Amino acid sequence: MNSGTSGIKIFTCNAHPTLAKAIAQELGLPLGNSEVGRFSDGEISVKINETVRGEDIYIVQPTSQPVNDHLMELLIMIDAMRRASAGRITAVIPYYGYARQDRKTRARDPISARLVADLLQTAGADRGLTMDLHCSQIQGFFDIPVDHLVGMPLLTRYYQGKVAEDIHNENVVAVSPDLGSVGRTRAFAGKLEIPLAIIDKRRPKANVSEVMNIIGNIEGKKVILVDDMIDTAGTICNAAQALKDRGAIEVLACCTHPVLSGPAINRIEESVISELVVLDTINLPPEKQISKIKKISVAPIFADAIERIHTDKPVSELFE
């Protein structure tokens, strides 16, 4: 343990203990001693097996599938820490569930992203730390500080090495799979100094998309599809096929959050995507770890952010 991490304790629930352990190792710390189990009727049981009084506590728990179980584990552990007189409690949520329900699109819709923010604060969280929220406005749903990390530097660094020659020869194009991802993809393209293309699509209903048009030149190019999350993979796979049909020579894809629910793995396996690069904000069980999927760890950037928060240094430098 170095002087910069003295007073920090890292705990985890059941959503992603591998990531929590990696973050703790990056900081030179042991993982906090706790147990998160179930009573016989399914209620969540949390035990903190070491003192946390006055300590700077970080609970690592993406609220991924099963979302409700993992959210309740996090809330109950926050409550346990607060009642044990922890000095400060930071909810480290690499993937923030319910983020897609961030506004009312129809009458009588809930704003579940705000509800989750309220629950975290009511439970006793003093601070939040997350990555690539589906909509950055969710930060404004909190009355506590929320540090919003970005996965872009990790992805651009990977591609700078992988397709360096193609980038030099101007044979790579970054592609946004929909209009909502244009800002993210433009930033990605800017970092790699490559052109941008956009897929204009219509979505008749949830998880179903129809490609309408491609804005930009992708014929004879290697293309990289960029998104913040991939859920059922319908959008990304349809986009990849459309790009291939219109002359792209190879289709790569990347995202921050590999939700990969329902038919996603089969769709990716059968798609024209040659490689999907994901960050490990969500734990991928063995059945989802197919050869097309490459994982990059977010442990170093979260560990760096935790140390900066603890020592009152700026976190903004991590955005570069």
Protein backbone atom coordinates (compact mmCIF):
# COMPACT_ATOMS: atom_id res chain seq x y z
CA MET A 1 0.00 0.00 0.00
CA ASN A 2 1.37 3.43 -0.90
CA SER A 3 0.68 6.65 0.97
CA GLY A 4 -1.83 7.73 -1.68
CA THR A 5 -4.09 4.76 -0.94
CA SER A 6 -3.91 4.80 2.86
CA GLY A 7 -7.44 4.87 4.21
CA ILE A 8 -9.05 3.41 1.08
CA LYS A 9 -11.03 0.19 1.27
CA ILE A 10 -12.45 -1.56 -1.80
CA PHE A 11 -15.52 -3.79 -1.45
CA THR A 12 -17.62 -5.70 -3.95
CA CYS A 13 -20.98 -7.40 -4.22
CA ASN A 14 -21.73 -10.22 -6.68
CA ALA A 15 -22.00 -8.40 -10.02
CA HIS A 16 -18.30 -8.24 -10.94
CA PRO A 17 -15.88 -9.41 -8.22
CA THR A 18 -13.17 -9.99 -10.84
CA LEU A 19 -13.11 -6.28 -11.72
CA ALA A 20 -13.21 -5.25 -8.06
CA LYS A 21 -10.24 -7.50 -7.30
CA ALA A 22 -8.33 -6.07 -10.29
CA ILE A 23 -8.99 -2.50 -9.13
CA ALA A 24 -7.80 -3.38 -5.62
CA GLN A 25 -4.63 -4.96 -7.04
CA GLU A 26 -3.93 -1.85 -9.14
CA LEU A 27 -4.06 0.15 -5.90
CA GLY A 28 -1.94 -2.36 -4.01
CA LEU A 29 -4.80 -3.14 -1.62
CA PRO A 30 -6.56 -6.32 -0.51
CA LEU A 31 -10.23 -6.64 -1.39
CA GLY A 32 -12.46 -5.81 1.57
CA ASN A 33 -13.75 -8.74 3.62
CA SER A 34 -17.50 -8.98 3.09
CA GLU A 35 -20.19 -11.50 2.20
CA VAL A 36 -23.26 -10.95 0.04
CA GLY A 37 -25.65 -13.87 0.04
CA ARG A 38 -29.30 -14.78 0.25
CA PHE A 39 -31.68 -15.80 3.00
CA SER A 40 -33.83 -18.84 2.27
CA ASP A 41 -36.69 -16.65 1.01
CA GLY A 42 -34.41 -14.85 -1.47
CA GLU A 43 -33.81 -11.67 0.53
CA ILE A 44 -30.28 -10.29 0.28
CA SER A 45 -27.90 -10.75 3.21
CA VAL A 46 -24.84 -8.50 3.60
CA LYS A 47 -22.06 -8.99 6.17
CA ILE A 48 -19.10 -6.62 6.57
CA ASN A 49 -16.37 -8.63 8.28
CA GLU A 50 -13.90 -5.84 9.06
CA THR A 51 -14.00 -2.37 10.54
CA VAL A 52 -14.86 0.48 8.17
CA ARG A 53 -15.26 3.28 10.73
CA GLY A 54 -13.92 6.54 9.33
CA GLU A 55 -12.56 4.87 6.18
CA ASP A 56 -12.93 5.98 2.54
CA ILE A 57 -15.10 3.16 1.14
CA TYR A 58 -15.52 2.26 -2.54
CA ILE A 59 -18.14 -0.36 -3.45
CA VAL A 60 -17.64 -1.78 -6.96
CA GLN A 61 -20.93 -3.01 -8.42
CA PRO A 62 -22.14 -2.59 -12.01
CA THR A 63 -25.94 -2.81 -12.00
CA SER A 64 -25.98 -5.32 -14.84
CA GLN A 65 -28.15 -8.38 -15.40
CA PRO A 66 -29.91 -9.43 -13.18
CA VAL A 67 -30.27 -5.67 -12.72
CA ASN A 68 -32.70 -5.64 -9.81
CA ASP A 69 -30.68 -8.13 -7.74
CA HIS A 70 -27.43 -6.27 -8.29
CA LEU A 71 -29.02 -2.90 -7.56
CA MET A 72 -30.47 -4.17 -4.28
CA GLU A 73 -27.11 -5.68 -3.27
CA LEU A 74 -25.48 -2.30 -3.81
CA LEU A 75 -28.15 -0.40 -1.89
CA ILE A 76 -28.02 -2.76 1.06
CA MET A 77 -24.22 -2.71 1.22
CA ILE A 78 -24.24 1.11 1.12
CA ASP A 79 -26.72 1.09 4.00
CA ALA A 80 -24.53 -1.36 5.95
CA MET A 81 -21.48 0.86 5.43
CA ARG A 82 -23.35 3.98 6.52
CA ARG A 83 -24.61 2.28 9.70
CA ALA A 84 -21.05 1.09 10.40
CA SER A 85 -19.85 4.74 10.43
CA ALA A 86 -17.83 4.67 7.20
CA GLY A 87 -16.15 8.03 6.60
CA ARG A 88 -17.22 8.38 2.96
CA ILE A 89 -19.05 5.91 0.70
CA THR A 90 -18.54 5.97 -3.06
CA ALA A 91 -20.74 3.81 -5.28
CA VAL A 92 -18.48 2.64 -8.11
CA ILE A 93 -20.92 1.69 -10.88
CA PRO A 94 -18.98 0.91 -14.09
CA TYR A 95 -22.30 0.18 -15.84
CA TYR A 96 -25.35 2.14 -14.66
CA GLY A 97 -28.52 0.09 -15.18
CA TYR A 98 -31.83 1.78 -16.07
CA ALA A 99 -29.85 4.54 -17.81
CA ARG A 100 -31.95 4.23 -20.98
CA GLN A 101 -35.05 5.34 -19.08
CA ASP A 102 -33.79 8.90 -18.62
CA ARG A 103 -36.77 10.93 -19.90
CA LYS A 104 -40.47 10.66 -20.71
CA THR A 105 -40.95 9.69 -24.35
CA ARG A 106 -44.66 8.92 -23.92
CA ALA A 107 -47.38 9.86 -21.48
CA ARG A 108 -47.12 8.08 -18.11
CA ASP A 109 -43.54 6.84 -18.69
CA PRO A 110 -41.30 6.53 -15.60
CA ILE A 111 -37.89 8.19 -15.38
CA SER A 112 -36.18 5.19 -13.84
CA ALA A 113 -32.66 6.59 -14.11
CA ARG A 114 -33.68 9.37 -11.71
CA LEU A 115 -35.35 6.88 -9.36
CA VAL A 116 -32.14 4.83 -9.14
CA ALA A 117 -30.17 8.00 -8.38
CA ASP A 118 -32.60 8.85 -5.57
CA LEU A 119 -32.33 5.32 -4.14
CA LEU A 120 -28.52 5.44 -4.09
CA GLN A 121 -28.53 8.75 -2.25
CA THR A 122 -31.21 7.65 0.20
CA ALA A 123 -29.21 4.50 0.97
CA GLY A 124 -26.28 6.70 2.00
CA ALA A 125 -23.90 7.09 -0.96
CA ASP A 126 -21.77 10.21 -0.65
CA ARG A 127 -20.37 10.05 -4.17
CA GLY A 128 -20.73 8.20 -7.46
CA LEU A 129 -18.15 6.95 -9.95
CA THR A 130 -19.31 5.57 -13.28
CA MET A 131 -18.35 5.26 -16.94
CA ASP A 132 -20.05 6.24 -20.21
CA LEU A 133 -23.58 6.88 -19.00
CA HIS A 134 -26.08 6.28 -21.80
CA CYS A 135 -27.04 9.96 -21.43
CA SER A 136 -24.69 12.31 -19.61
CA GLN A 137 -27.68 14.28 -18.26
CA ILE A 138 -28.09 11.49 -15.67
CA GLN A 139 -25.30 13.19 -13.71
CA GLY A 140 -27.80 15.96 -13.05
CA PHE A 141 -30.20 13.50 -11.39
CA PHE A 142 -27.81 13.32 -8.41
CA ASP A 143 -27.39 15.85 -5.60
CA ILE A 144 -24.01 14.31 -4.77
CA PRO A 145 -20.78 14.52 -6.81
CA VAL A 146 -20.64 12.01 -9.68
CA ASP A 147 -17.41 11.43 -11.59
CA HIS A 148 -18.21 10.31 -15.13
CA LEU A 149 -15.29 8.45 -16.71
CA VAL A 150 -15.02 7.80 -20.45
CA GLY A 151 -13.93 4.59 -22.14
CA MET A 152 -12.85 6.32 -25.35
CA PRO A 153 -9.10 6.60 -24.51
CA LEU A 154 -8.89 2.83 -23.92
CA LEU A 155 -10.58 2.05 -27.24
CA THR A 156 -8.64 4.58 -29.32
CA ARG A 157 -5.35 3.40 -27.82
CA TYR A 158 -6.20 -0.17 -28.89
CA TYR A 159 -7.02 0.80 -32.47
CA GLN A 160 -4.01 3.09 -32.78
CA GLY A 161 -1.94 -0.06 -32.45
CA LYS A 162 -4.17 -2.50 -34.32
CA VAL A 163 -4.92 -0.56 -37.52
CA ALA A 164 -2.03 1.92 -37.52
CA GLU A 165 -0.95 1.10 -41.09
CA ASP A 166 -4.51 1.28 -42.41
CA ILE A 167 -5.02 4.63 -40.63
CA HIS A 168 -1.79 5.94 -42.19
CA ASN A 169 -3.04 4.88 -45.64
CA GLU A 170 -6.44 6.50 -45.01
CA ASN A 171 -8.27 3.18 -45.31
CA VAL A 172 -10.22 3.31 -42.02
CA VAL A 173 -13.57 5.00 -41.33
CA ALA A 174 -15.32 5.37 -37.96
CA VAL A 175 -19.05 4.70 -38.26
CA SER A 176 -21.87 5.76 -35.95
CA PRO A 177 -24.60 3.07 -35.91
CA ASP A 178 -27.30 5.72 -35.33
CA LEU A 179 -27.75 9.48 -35.00
CA GLY A 180 -27.63 9.28 -31.20
CA SER A 181 -24.04 8.03 -31.24
CA VAL A 182 -22.66 10.68 -33.63
CA GLY A 183 -21.00 12.78 -30.92
CA ARG A 184 -19.24 9.78 -29.43
CA THR A 185 -18.11 8.51 -32.84
CA ARG A 186 -16.95 11.96 -33.94
CA ALA A 187 -14.71 12.16 -30.85
CA PHE A 188 -13.39 8.65 -31.59
CA ALA A 189 -12.69 9.59 -35.22
CA GLY A 190 -11.00 12.81 -34.11
CA LYS A 191 -8.61 10.94 -31.81
CA LEU A 192 -7.62 8.54 -34.58
CA GLU A 193 -7.68 11.27 -37.24
CA ILE A 194 -9.92 9.22 -39.54
CA PRO A 195 -13.12 10.11 -41.45
CA LEU A 196 -16.62 9.73 -40.02
CA ALA A 197 -19.68 8.02 -41.51
CA ILE A 198 -23.20 7.86 -40.09
CA ILE A 199 -25.95 5.29 -40.44
CA ASP A 200 -29.40 6.86 -40.61
CA LYS A 201 -31.88 4.26 -39.41
CA ARG A 202 -35.45 3.92 -38.33
CA ARG A 203 -36.50 1.90 -35.27
CA PRO A 204 -40.08 0.59 -35.71
CA LYS A 205 -40.14 -0.84 -32.17
CA ALA A 206 -37.81 -1.59 -29.26
CA ASN A 207 -34.73 -3.68 -30.16
CA VAL A 208 -35.67 -3.69 -33.86
CA SER A 209 -33.89 -1.39 -36.30
CA GLU A 210 -33.99 -0.83 -40.05
CA VAL A 211 -31.05 0.73 -41.88
CA MET A 212 -32.16 3.55 -44.17
CA ASN A 213 -29.05 5.26 -45.49
CA ILE A 214 -25.28 5.61 -44.99
CA ILE A 215 -23.86 9.12 -44.91
CA GLY A 216 -20.18 9.10 -45.86
CA ASN A 217 -17.80 7.09 -48.01
CA ILE A 218 -17.13 3.56 -46.76
CA GLU A 219 -16.63 1.68 -50.05
CA GLY A 220 -13.34 -0.20 -50.06
CA LYS A 221 -12.62 0.85 -46.48
CA LYS A 222 -12.10 -0.94 -43.17
CA VAL A 223 -14.81 0.40 -40.87
CA ILE A 224 -15.11 0.60 -37.08
CA LEU A 225 -18.61 0.77 -35.60
CA VAL A 226 -18.61 2.72 -32.31
CA ASP A 227 -21.34 2.52 -29.64
CA ASP A 228 -21.68 2.99 -25.90
CA MET A 229 -23.48 -0.31 -25.28
CA ILE A 230 -24.57 -3.40 -27.17
CA ASP A 231 -27.70 -5.06 -25.79
CA THR A 232 -29.43 -7.54 -28.13
CA ALA A 233 -26.91 -6.67 -30.91
CA GLY A 234 -29.64 -6.18 -33.52
CA THR A 235 -28.61 -2.61 -34.32
CA ILE A 236 -24.87 -3.27 -34.56
CA CYS A 237 -25.25 -6.46 -36.63
CA ASN A 238 -27.75 -4.88 -39.05
CA ALA A 239 -25.43 -1.90 -39.40
CA ALA A 240 -22.45 -4.18 -40.05
CA GLN A 241 -24.33 -6.05 -42.78
CA ALA A 242 -25.42 -2.79 -44.42
CA LEU A 243 -21.82 -1.55 -44.43
CA LYS A 244 -20.60 -4.80 -45.95
CA ASP A 245 -23.34 -4.73 -48.59
CA ARG A 246 -22.29 -1.21 -49.54
CA GLY A 247 -18.65 -2.09 -50.10
CA ALA A 248 -16.80 -2.09 -46.76
CA ILE A 249 -13.93 -4.59 -46.89
CA GLU A 250 -13.94 -5.38 -43.15
CA VAL A 251 -16.24 -4.46 -40.27
CA LEU A 252 -14.87 -4.05 -36.75
CA ALA A 253 -16.95 -2.90 -33.78
CA CYS A 254 -16.38 -1.61 -30.27
CA CYS A 255 -18.41 -0.56 -27.26
CA THR A 256 -17.97 0.31 -23.60
CA HIS A 257 -20.74 -1.84 -22.12
CA PRO A 258 -21.26 -5.44 -23.38
CA VAL A 259 -24.80 -6.00 -22.08
CA LEU A 260 -25.24 -8.80 -24.66
CA SER A 261 -28.69 -10.01 -23.63
CA GLY A 262 -31.07 -12.41 -25.38
CA PRO A 263 -29.90 -13.41 -28.88
CA ALA A 264 -26.87 -11.10 -28.86
CA ILE A 265 -24.12 -13.74 -28.82
CA ASN A 266 -25.65 -15.78 -31.65
CA ARG A 267 -26.17 -12.63 -33.70
CA ILE A 268 -22.57 -11.51 -33.25
CA GLU A 269 -21.25 -15.00 -33.98
CA GLU A 270 -23.20 -15.16 -37.25
CA SER A 271 -22.60 -11.52 -38.25
CA VAL A 272 -20.04 -10.05 -40.65
CA ILE A 273 -18.29 -8.35 -37.70
CA SER A 274 -14.75 -9.75 -37.59
CA GLU A 275 -13.93 -8.46 -34.09
CA LEU A 276 -15.89 -6.83 -31.27
CA VAL A 277 -13.79 -4.95 -28.69
CA VAL A 278 -15.51 -4.37 -25.34
CA LEU A 279 -14.52 -2.95 -21.98
CA ASP A 280 -15.04 -5.16 -18.93
CA THR A 281 -17.53 -2.86 -17.19
CA ILE A 282 -19.88 -5.86 -17.16
CA ASN A 283 -18.88 -9.39 -16.23
CA LEU A 284 -19.07 -11.77 -19.19
CA PRO A 285 -19.85 -15.39 -18.20
CA PRO A 286 -17.93 -18.13 -20.04
CA GLU A 287 -20.78 -18.78 -22.50
CA LYS A 288 -20.50 -15.18 -23.75
CA GLN A 289 -16.73 -15.19 -24.17
CA ILE A 290 -16.62 -16.09 -27.86
CA SER A 291 -13.54 -15.76 -30.05
CA LYS A 292 -14.85 -12.63 -31.82
CA ILE A 293 -15.02 -10.68 -28.56
CA LYS A 294 -11.89 -9.05 -27.13
CA LYS A 295 -11.98 -7.52 -23.64
CA ILE A 296 -9.99 -4.53 -22.40
CA SER A 297 -9.83 -3.95 -18.65
CA VAL A 298 -11.10 -0.72 -17.09
CA ALA A 299 -9.41 -1.58 -13.76
CA PRO A 300 -6.43 0.79 -14.27
CA ILE A 301 -8.58 3.84 -15.06
CA PHE A 302 -10.98 3.17 -12.17
CA ALA A 303 -8.06 2.60 -9.78
CA ASP A 304 -6.49 5.88 -10.93
CA ALA A 305 -9.81 7.69 -10.46
CA ILE A 306 -10.26 6.26 -6.95
CA GLU A 307 -6.79 7.36 -5.89
CA ARG A 308 -7.39 10.84 -7.34
CA ILE A 309 -10.73 11.18 -5.55
CA HIS A 310 -9.17 10.02 -2.29
CA THR A 311 -6.29 12.50 -2.53
CA ASP A 312 -8.43 15.37 -3.88
CA LYS A 313 -6.68 15.48 -7.27
CA PRO A 314 -8.48 16.27 -10.54
CA VAL A 315 -10.14 13.36 -12.33
CA SER A 316 -10.52 15.29 -15.59
CA GLU A 317 -7.01 14.30 -16.72
CA LEU A 318 -8.31 10.74 -17.20
CA PHE A 319 -10.54 11.90 -20.05
CA GLU A 320 -7.55 12.25 -22.37
